[in-house]
N, C-alpha and C. Protein backbone atom coordinates (compact mmCIF):
# COMPACT_ATOMS: atom_id res chain seq x y z
N MET A 1 105.59 51.72 284.39
CA MET A 1 105.69 52.97 283.68
C MET A 1 107.12 53.13 283.19
N ALA A 2 107.29 53.40 281.93
CA ALA A 2 108.61 53.55 281.35
C ALA A 2 109.13 54.96 281.58
N THR A 3 110.42 55.06 281.80
CA THR A 3 111.04 56.37 281.93
C THR A 3 111.92 56.62 280.73
N VAL A 4 112.03 57.87 280.36
CA VAL A 4 112.84 58.25 279.21
C VAL A 4 114.10 58.92 279.73
N GLU A 5 115.24 58.39 279.33
CA GLU A 5 116.51 58.98 279.73
C GLU A 5 117.21 59.52 278.51
N ARG A 6 117.87 60.63 278.70
CA ARG A 6 118.61 61.22 277.60
C ARG A 6 120.01 60.61 277.55
N PRO A 7 120.59 60.53 276.36
CA PRO A 7 121.96 60.03 276.27
C PRO A 7 122.90 60.91 277.07
N GLY A 8 123.77 60.31 277.81
CA GLY A 8 124.71 61.06 278.63
C GLY A 8 124.19 61.31 280.03
N GLY A 9 122.89 61.08 280.26
CA GLY A 9 122.33 61.18 281.59
C GLY A 9 122.00 62.57 282.08
N ALA A 10 122.55 63.62 281.50
CA ALA A 10 122.30 64.97 281.99
C ALA A 10 121.30 65.67 281.07
N GLU A 11 120.42 66.43 281.69
CA GLU A 11 119.46 67.21 280.91
C GLU A 11 120.04 68.60 280.68
N PRO A 12 119.88 69.12 279.46
CA PRO A 12 120.37 70.48 279.23
C PRO A 12 119.49 71.47 280.00
N PRO A 13 120.07 72.56 280.47
CA PRO A 13 119.27 73.54 281.22
C PRO A 13 118.25 74.21 280.31
N LEU A 14 117.14 74.61 280.92
CA LEU A 14 116.11 75.30 280.17
C LEU A 14 116.46 76.77 280.04
N ALA A 15 116.13 77.33 278.89
CA ALA A 15 116.27 78.77 278.71
C ALA A 15 115.20 79.46 279.56
N ALA A 16 115.39 80.73 279.82
CA ALA A 16 114.44 81.47 280.66
C ALA A 16 113.03 81.44 280.07
N SER A 17 112.92 81.58 278.75
CA SER A 17 111.60 81.57 278.12
C SER A 17 110.95 80.20 278.21
N GLN A 18 111.76 79.14 278.13
CA GLN A 18 111.22 77.79 278.26
C GLN A 18 110.75 77.51 279.68
N ALA A 19 111.52 77.96 280.66
CA ALA A 19 111.11 77.79 282.06
C ALA A 19 109.83 78.56 282.34
N GLN A 20 109.71 79.75 281.78
CA GLN A 20 108.49 80.54 281.95
C GLN A 20 107.30 79.82 281.31
N PHE A 21 107.50 79.21 280.14
CA PHE A 21 106.44 78.45 279.47
C PHE A 21 105.98 77.29 280.34
N VAL A 22 106.92 76.57 280.92
CA VAL A 22 106.58 75.43 281.78
C VAL A 22 105.82 75.89 283.01
N ARG A 23 106.29 76.95 283.66
CA ARG A 23 105.59 77.46 284.84
C ARG A 23 104.17 77.92 284.50
N ARG A 24 104.01 78.57 283.36
CA ARG A 24 102.69 79.03 282.94
C ARG A 24 101.76 77.85 282.67
N ALA A 25 102.26 76.83 282.02
CA ALA A 25 101.46 75.64 281.75
C ALA A 25 101.05 74.95 283.04
N LEU A 26 101.97 74.90 284.01
CA LEU A 26 101.64 74.27 285.30
C LEU A 26 100.60 75.07 286.07
N ARG A 27 100.68 76.39 285.99
CA ARG A 27 99.67 77.22 286.66
C ARG A 27 98.29 77.03 286.03
N ARG A 28 98.24 76.81 284.73
CA ARG A 28 96.96 76.71 284.02
C ARG A 28 96.41 75.29 283.94
N LYS A 29 97.07 74.35 284.56
CA LYS A 29 96.66 72.95 284.46
C LYS A 29 95.20 72.74 284.86
N LYS A 30 94.80 73.27 285.99
CA LYS A 30 93.42 73.11 286.45
C LYS A 30 92.44 73.82 285.51
N LEU A 31 92.85 74.94 284.96
CA LEU A 31 92.00 75.67 284.02
C LEU A 31 91.73 74.82 282.77
N PHE A 32 92.77 74.14 282.27
CA PHE A 32 92.60 73.29 281.09
C PHE A 32 91.59 72.18 281.35
N LEU A 33 91.67 71.57 282.53
CA LEU A 33 90.74 70.51 282.87
C LEU A 33 89.31 71.05 282.98
N ALA A 34 89.14 72.19 283.64
CA ALA A 34 87.82 72.79 283.79
C ALA A 34 87.23 73.16 282.43
N LEU A 35 88.04 73.75 281.57
CA LEU A 35 87.55 74.11 280.23
C LEU A 35 87.16 72.88 279.43
N SER A 36 87.89 71.81 279.61
CA SER A 36 87.57 70.57 278.90
C SER A 36 86.22 70.01 279.36
N VAL A 37 86.01 69.97 280.66
CA VAL A 37 84.75 69.46 281.20
C VAL A 37 83.59 70.34 280.76
N ILE A 38 83.77 71.66 280.84
CA ILE A 38 82.72 72.58 280.43
C ILE A 38 82.41 72.42 278.94
N GLY A 39 83.44 72.22 278.13
CA GLY A 39 83.25 72.04 276.69
C GLY A 39 82.47 70.77 276.37
N VAL A 40 82.78 69.69 277.06
CA VAL A 40 82.04 68.44 276.83
C VAL A 40 80.59 68.60 277.24
N VAL A 41 80.35 69.21 278.39
CA VAL A 41 78.98 69.42 278.86
C VAL A 41 78.21 70.31 277.88
N ALA A 42 78.85 71.39 277.44
CA ALA A 42 78.19 72.30 276.49
C ALA A 42 77.92 71.60 275.16
N GLY A 43 78.88 70.86 274.65
CA GLY A 43 78.69 70.15 273.38
C GLY A 43 77.59 69.12 273.45
N LEU A 44 77.58 68.35 274.52
CA LEU A 44 76.52 67.34 274.67
C LEU A 44 75.16 68.00 274.91
N GLY A 45 75.15 69.09 275.65
CA GLY A 45 73.90 69.81 275.88
C GLY A 45 73.33 70.36 274.58
N LEU A 46 74.19 70.93 273.76
CA LEU A 46 73.73 71.42 272.46
C LEU A 46 73.23 70.29 271.57
N ALA A 47 73.93 69.16 271.60
CA ALA A 47 73.50 68.01 270.80
C ALA A 47 72.11 67.53 271.23
N VAL A 48 71.90 67.47 272.53
CA VAL A 48 70.58 67.05 273.04
C VAL A 48 69.52 68.09 272.65
N LEU A 49 69.83 69.37 272.82
CA LEU A 49 68.88 70.43 272.47
C LEU A 49 68.50 70.35 270.99
N TYR A 50 69.50 70.23 270.12
CA TYR A 50 69.22 70.18 268.69
C TYR A 50 68.46 68.92 268.30
N THR A 51 68.72 67.83 269.01
CA THR A 51 67.98 66.59 268.75
C THR A 51 66.51 66.77 269.13
N VAL A 52 66.26 67.36 270.27
CA VAL A 52 64.87 67.59 270.72
C VAL A 52 64.17 68.54 269.75
N LEU A 53 64.84 69.59 269.35
CA LEU A 53 64.23 70.53 268.40
C LEU A 53 63.95 69.87 267.06
N ARG A 54 64.83 68.99 266.64
CA ARG A 54 64.63 68.28 265.36
C ARG A 54 63.45 67.31 265.47
N VAL A 55 63.31 66.63 266.60
CA VAL A 55 62.19 65.69 266.79
C VAL A 55 60.87 66.44 266.81
N ARG A 56 60.85 67.60 267.44
CA ARG A 56 59.62 68.38 267.53
C ARG A 56 59.27 69.07 266.23
N ASN A 57 60.30 69.42 265.44
CA ASN A 57 60.08 70.12 264.17
C ASN A 57 60.95 69.47 263.09
N PRO A 58 60.38 68.63 262.24
CA PRO A 58 61.18 67.93 261.23
C PRO A 58 61.88 68.86 260.24
N HIS A 59 61.46 70.12 260.16
CA HIS A 59 62.08 71.06 259.22
C HIS A 59 63.22 71.86 259.87
N PHE A 60 63.53 71.55 261.11
CA PHE A 60 64.60 72.23 261.83
C PHE A 60 65.94 71.86 261.20
N GLU A 61 66.71 72.87 260.80
CA GLU A 61 68.01 72.64 260.16
C GLU A 61 69.07 72.28 261.21
N VAL A 62 69.69 71.17 261.03
CA VAL A 62 70.67 70.68 262.00
C VAL A 62 72.10 70.82 261.49
N SER A 63 72.30 70.88 260.18
CA SER A 63 73.64 70.78 259.60
C SER A 63 74.62 71.82 260.16
N ALA A 64 74.29 73.09 260.13
CA ALA A 64 75.22 74.12 260.62
C ALA A 64 75.40 73.99 262.13
N ARG A 65 74.35 73.62 262.82
CA ARG A 65 74.43 73.46 264.27
C ARG A 65 75.26 72.24 264.66
N ALA A 66 75.22 71.22 263.83
CA ALA A 66 76.06 70.04 264.08
C ALA A 66 77.54 70.39 263.97
N VAL A 67 77.87 71.29 263.06
CA VAL A 67 79.26 71.74 262.92
C VAL A 67 79.69 72.46 264.19
N ILE A 68 78.81 73.27 264.75
CA ILE A 68 79.12 73.98 266.00
C ILE A 68 79.37 72.98 267.13
N VAL A 69 78.53 71.95 267.22
CA VAL A 69 78.70 70.93 268.26
C VAL A 69 80.05 70.24 268.10
N VAL A 70 80.40 69.89 266.88
CA VAL A 70 81.68 69.22 266.63
C VAL A 70 82.85 70.14 267.01
N LEU A 71 82.75 71.42 266.66
CA LEU A 71 83.83 72.35 267.01
C LEU A 71 83.96 72.53 268.52
N VAL A 72 82.85 72.59 269.24
CA VAL A 72 82.90 72.70 270.69
C VAL A 72 83.57 71.46 271.29
N LEU A 73 83.20 70.28 270.79
CA LEU A 73 83.79 69.04 271.31
C LEU A 73 85.27 68.93 270.95
N LEU A 74 85.65 69.38 269.76
CA LEU A 74 87.07 69.37 269.39
C LEU A 74 87.88 70.31 270.29
N ASN A 75 87.29 71.46 270.62
CA ASN A 75 87.96 72.38 271.53
C ASN A 75 88.12 71.76 272.91
N ALA A 76 87.11 71.04 273.37
CA ALA A 76 87.21 70.36 274.67
C ALA A 76 88.32 69.31 274.64
N ARG A 77 88.44 68.62 273.52
CA ARG A 77 89.50 67.62 273.40
C ARG A 77 90.88 68.28 273.44
N GLN A 78 91.01 69.43 272.80
CA GLN A 78 92.29 70.13 272.82
C GLN A 78 92.63 70.61 274.23
N ASN A 79 91.63 71.08 274.97
CA ASN A 79 91.88 71.49 276.35
C ASN A 79 92.32 70.31 277.21
N LEU A 80 91.73 69.14 276.98
CA LEU A 80 92.15 67.95 277.71
C LEU A 80 93.58 67.58 277.35
N ARG A 81 93.94 67.74 276.10
CA ARG A 81 95.32 67.47 275.68
C ARG A 81 96.29 68.43 276.37
N GLN A 82 95.92 69.69 276.47
CA GLN A 82 96.76 70.67 277.17
C GLN A 82 96.93 70.28 278.64
N TYR A 83 95.85 69.80 279.26
CA TYR A 83 95.92 69.35 280.65
C TYR A 83 96.90 68.19 280.79
N ARG A 84 96.84 67.26 279.87
CA ARG A 84 97.75 66.11 279.93
C ARG A 84 99.20 66.53 279.70
N TYR A 85 99.42 67.46 278.78
CA TYR A 85 100.78 67.98 278.58
C TYR A 85 101.29 68.65 279.86
N ALA A 86 100.42 69.40 280.52
CA ALA A 86 100.82 70.06 281.77
C ALA A 86 101.18 69.02 282.83
N GLU A 87 100.45 67.90 282.87
CA GLU A 87 100.79 66.83 283.82
C GLU A 87 102.18 66.28 283.53
N VAL A 88 102.48 66.05 282.27
CA VAL A 88 103.80 65.53 281.90
C VAL A 88 104.89 66.53 282.25
N LEU A 89 104.63 67.81 281.96
CA LEU A 89 105.62 68.83 282.31
C LEU A 89 105.83 68.91 283.82
N GLU A 90 104.76 68.73 284.58
CA GLU A 90 104.88 68.76 286.03
C GLU A 90 105.74 67.61 286.54
N LYS A 91 105.55 66.43 285.96
CA LYS A 91 106.37 65.28 286.37
C LYS A 91 107.82 65.47 285.96
N ALA A 92 108.04 66.07 284.79
CA ALA A 92 109.40 66.21 284.29
C ALA A 92 110.15 67.38 284.92
N PHE A 93 109.46 68.50 285.13
CA PHE A 93 110.16 69.71 285.56
C PHE A 93 109.61 70.33 286.83
N GLY A 94 108.55 69.77 287.40
CA GLY A 94 107.89 70.39 288.55
C GLY A 94 108.82 70.67 289.71
N ALA A 95 109.62 69.70 290.10
CA ALA A 95 110.51 69.88 291.26
C ALA A 95 111.63 70.87 290.94
N SER A 96 112.15 70.82 289.73
CA SER A 96 113.28 71.69 289.40
C SER A 96 112.85 73.14 289.19
N LEU A 97 111.56 73.36 288.93
CA LEU A 97 111.08 74.74 288.74
C LEU A 97 110.30 75.25 289.94
N GLY A 98 110.31 74.53 291.03
CA GLY A 98 109.66 74.99 292.24
C GLY A 98 108.21 74.54 292.34
N GLY A 99 107.80 73.53 291.59
CA GLY A 99 106.45 73.01 291.69
C GLY A 99 105.46 73.82 290.90
N SER A 100 104.17 73.45 291.01
CA SER A 100 103.13 74.08 290.21
C SER A 100 102.71 75.43 290.77
N ASP A 101 103.17 75.79 291.97
CA ASP A 101 102.78 77.08 292.55
C ASP A 101 103.79 78.18 292.25
N ALA A 102 104.89 77.83 291.59
CA ALA A 102 105.91 78.82 291.28
C ALA A 102 105.38 79.82 290.27
N ARG A 103 105.77 81.08 290.42
CA ARG A 103 105.32 82.12 289.48
C ARG A 103 106.50 82.81 288.86
């Protein structure tokens, strides 16, 4: 695993608003993962439901519903990205900000 070092070796201190942002992201890390899993399950469930309805009724309109499925899955992907960002922030700043339980 590669580490990133800043020139000069010292990290600039975080502003109060930046430290608050990092702490908030660390607190919400588990929420991001849960929302991602729920989004994938909901998106796949809707896809299966719409597929079954389409097979049973060839006149069932899928186009608008397919857009909803794609949007749900894109939202799940964004939540997973937020979870991964929170992991990186935890590795980079977790110890200096008091860990993920700091408020």
